[in-house]
């Protein structure tokens, strides 16, 4: 017992302390998941954009005027933006960002 207290106990204590501090500062974390809800459906007609987004068990639909679309949002599900491709504002890209 005296041998254990004199030599082995300090050795075990030293090894446990040094292994706790030897954690690496970086690494790789892998995530896996499943898409559990579909994205929004859209339709455009004349100067209107219609978004239909699933929210739980029901689908909510909202219409946006393409003239006033800048920075619009659909509840907390999606943000709608328009980026013009020419100075005359005759061609544009509508971007729908899902949250």
C-alpha atoms as a PDB file:
ATOM      1  CA  UNK A   1       0.000   0.000   0.000  1.00  0.00           C
ATOM      2  CA  UNK A   2       2.884   2.301   0.786  1.00  0.00           C
ATOM      3  CA  UNK A   3       4.317   1.626  -2.694  1.00  0.00           C
ATOM      4  CA  UNK A   4       0.952   2.566  -4.230  1.00  0.00           C
ATOM      5  CA  UNK A   5       0.715   5.848  -2.298  1.00  0.00           C
ATOM      6  CA  UNK A   6       4.323   6.794  -2.990  1.00  0.00           C
ATOM      7  CA  UNK A   7       4.725   5.968  -6.680  1.00  0.00           C
ATOM      8  CA  UNK A   8       1.609   4.722  -8.447  1.00  0.00           C
ATOM      9  CA  UNK A   9      -0.960   7.224  -7.153  1.00  0.00           C
ATOM     10  CA  UNK A  10       1.097  10.296  -8.200  1.00  0.00           C
ATOM     11  CA  UNK A  11       1.784   8.628 -11.577  1.00  0.00           C
ATOM     12  CA  UNK A  12      -1.932   7.946 -12.203  1.00  0.00           C
ATOM     13  CA  UNK A  13      -2.807  11.486 -11.112  1.00  0.00           C
ATOM     14  CA  UNK A  14      -0.167  12.978 -13.436  1.00  0.00           C
ATOM     15  CA  UNK A  15      -1.366  10.913 -16.407  1.00  0.00           C
ATOM     16  CA  UNK A  16      -5.021  11.861 -15.883  1.00  0.00           C
ATOM     17  CA  UNK A  17      -4.196  15.578 -15.637  1.00  0.00           C
ATOM     18  CA  UNK A  18      -2.016  15.554 -18.768  1.00  0.00           C
ATOM     19  CA  UNK A  19      -4.610  13.667 -20.843  1.00  0.00           C
ATOM     20  CA  UNK A  20      -7.338  16.165 -19.885  1.00  0.00           C
ATOM     21  CA  UNK A  21      -5.259  19.074 -21.179  1.00  0.00           C
ATOM     22  CA  UNK A  22      -4.323  17.275 -24.399  1.00  0.00           C
ATOM     23  CA  UNK A  23      -7.638  18.016 -26.130  1.00  0.00           C
ATOM     24  CA  UNK A  24      -7.169  19.275 -29.672  1.00  0.00           C
ATOM     25  CA  UNK A  25      -8.071  22.919 -30.344  1.00  0.00           C
ATOM     26  CA  UNK A  26      -9.867  22.081 -33.593  1.00  0.00           C
ATOM     27  CA  UNK A  27     -11.676  19.317 -35.364  1.00  0.00           C
ATOM     28  CA  UNK A  28     -14.523  18.351 -37.632  1.00  0.00           C
ATOM     29  CA  UNK A  29     -18.175  18.122 -36.641  1.00  0.00           C
ATOM     30  CA  UNK A  30     -20.530  16.199 -38.926  1.00  0.00           C
ATOM     31  CA  UNK A  31     -24.251  17.018 -39.041  1.00  0.00           C
ATOM     32  CA  UNK A  32     -26.961  14.841 -40.521  1.00  0.00           C
ATOM     33  CA  UNK A  33     -30.565  15.706 -41.028  1.00  0.00           C
ATOM     34  CA  UNK A  34     -33.718  15.392 -43.011  1.00  0.00           C
ATOM     35  CA  UNK A  35     -35.812  17.990 -44.777  1.00  0.00           C
ATOM     36  CA  UNK A  36     -39.081  17.753 -42.890  1.00  0.00           C
ATOM     37  CA  UNK A  37     -41.049  20.482 -44.642  1.00  0.00           C
ATOM     38  CA  UNK A  38     -41.070  21.490 -48.280  1.00  0.00           C
ATOM     39  CA  UNK A  39     -40.251  24.942 -49.564  1.00  0.00           C
ATOM     40  CA  UNK A  40     -42.662  27.555 -50.815  1.00  0.00           C
ATOM     41  CA  UNK A  41     -44.431  27.235 -54.165  1.00  0.00           C
ATOM     42  CA  UNK A  42     -44.664  30.342 -56.299  1.00  0.00           C
ATOM     43  CA  UNK A  43     -46.711  31.598 -59.233  1.00  0.00           C
ATOM     44  CA  UNK A  44     -46.389  34.850 -61.099  1.00  0.00           C
ATOM     45  CA  UNK A  45     -49.146  36.542 -63.047  1.00  0.00           C
ATOM     46  CA  UNK A  46     -48.835  39.993 -64.583  1.00  0.00           C
ATOM     47  CA  UNK A  47     -47.314  42.146 -61.825  1.00  0.00           C
ATOM     48  CA  UNK A  48     -48.159  39.784 -58.937  1.00  0.00           C
ATOM     49  CA  UNK A  49     -46.130  37.067 -57.227  1.00  0.00           C
ATOM     50  CA  UNK A  50     -48.046  34.489 -55.201  1.00  0.00           C
ATOM     51  CA  UNK A  51     -46.207  32.456 -52.540  1.00  0.00           C
ATOM     52  CA  UNK A  52     -47.740  29.401 -50.890  1.00  0.00           C
ATOM     53  CA  UNK A  53     -45.697  28.198 -47.921  1.00  0.00           C
ATOM     54  CA  UNK A  54     -46.394  25.197 -45.670  1.00  0.00           C
ATOM     55  CA  UNK A  55     -46.723  26.150 -42.022  1.00  0.00           C
ATOM     56  CA  UNK A  56     -47.356  23.127 -39.860  1.00  0.00           C
ATOM     57  CA  UNK A  57     -50.453  21.289 -41.100  1.00  0.00           C
ATOM     58  CA  UNK A  58     -51.735  24.081 -43.355  1.00  0.00           C
ATOM     59  CA  UNK A  59     -50.486  26.082 -46.327  1.00  0.00           C
ATOM     60  CA  UNK A  60     -50.516  29.873 -46.157  1.00  0.00           C
ATOM     61  CA  UNK A  61     -50.696  31.930 -49.339  1.00  0.00           C
ATOM     62  CA  UNK A  62     -49.670  35.540 -49.788  1.00  0.00           C
ATOM     63  CA  UNK A  63     -49.542  37.816 -52.816  1.00  0.00           C
ATOM     64  CA  UNK A  64     -46.858  40.400 -53.469  1.00  0.00           C
ATOM     65  CA  UNK A  65     -46.889  43.233 -55.946  1.00  0.00           C
ATOM     66  CA  UNK A  66     -43.704  43.080 -58.016  1.00  0.00           C
ATOM     67  CA  UNK A  67     -43.494  46.882 -57.860  1.00  0.00           C
ATOM     68  CA  UNK A  68     -43.348  46.922 -54.043  1.00  0.00           C
ATOM     69  CA  UNK A  69     -41.482  43.684 -53.420  1.00  0.00           C
ATOM     70  CA  UNK A  70     -38.242  45.121 -51.973  1.00  0.00           C
ATOM     71  CA  UNK A  71     -37.547  43.581 -48.562  1.00  0.00           C
ATOM     72  CA  UNK A  72     -40.945  41.901 -48.187  1.00  0.00           C
ATOM     73  CA  UNK A  73     -41.167  38.836 -45.968  1.00  0.00           C
ATOM     74  CA  UNK A  74     -43.605  35.977 -45.617  1.00  0.00           C
ATOM     75  CA  UNK A  75     -44.126  35.498 -41.885  1.00  0.00           C
ATOM     76  CA  UNK A  76     -40.848  34.099 -40.588  1.00  0.00           C
ATOM     77  CA  UNK A  77     -40.507  31.589 -43.432  1.00  0.00           C
ATOM     78  CA  UNK A  78     -39.143  33.496 -46.398  1.00  0.00           C
ATOM     79  CA  UNK A  79     -37.790  36.852 -47.522  1.00  0.00           C
ATOM     80  CA  UNK A  80     -38.472  38.121 -51.037  1.00  0.00           C
ATOM     81  CA  UNK A  81     -36.092  40.503 -52.827  1.00  0.00           C
ATOM     82  CA  UNK A  82     -35.802  41.812 -56.365  1.00  0.00           C
ATOM     83  CA  UNK A  83     -32.496  42.663 -58.063  1.00  0.00           C
ATOM     84  CA  UNK A  84     -32.688  44.589 -61.326  1.00  0.00           C
ATOM     85  CA  UNK A  85     -30.381  43.582 -64.170  1.00  0.00           C
ATOM     86  CA  UNK A  86     -30.581  46.815 -66.153  1.00  0.00           C
ATOM     87  CA  UNK A  87     -30.869  50.538 -65.370  1.00  0.00           C
ATOM     88  CA  UNK A  88     -34.318  50.726 -66.995  1.00  0.00           C
ATOM     89  CA  UNK A  89     -35.669  48.203 -64.453  1.00  0.00           C
ATOM     90  CA  UNK A  90     -37.195  46.099 -67.224  1.00  0.00           C
ATOM     91  CA  UNK A  91     -35.383  42.864 -66.299  1.00  0.00           C
ATOM     92  CA  UNK A  92     -35.017  41.546 -62.782  1.00  0.00           C
ATOM     93  CA  UNK A  93     -34.272  38.496 -60.678  1.00  0.00           C
ATOM     94  CA  UNK A  94     -36.576  37.683 -57.770  1.00  0.00           C
ATOM     95  CA  UNK A  95     -34.736  35.989 -54.882  1.00  0.00           C
ATOM     96  CA  UNK A  96     -36.695  33.995 -52.297  1.00  0.00           C
ATOM     97  CA  UNK A  97     -34.580  33.228 -49.198  1.00  0.00           C
ATOM     98  CA  UNK A  98     -35.913  30.591 -46.827  1.00  0.00           C
ATOM     99  CA  UNK A  99     -35.266  30.896 -43.094  1.00  0.00           C
END
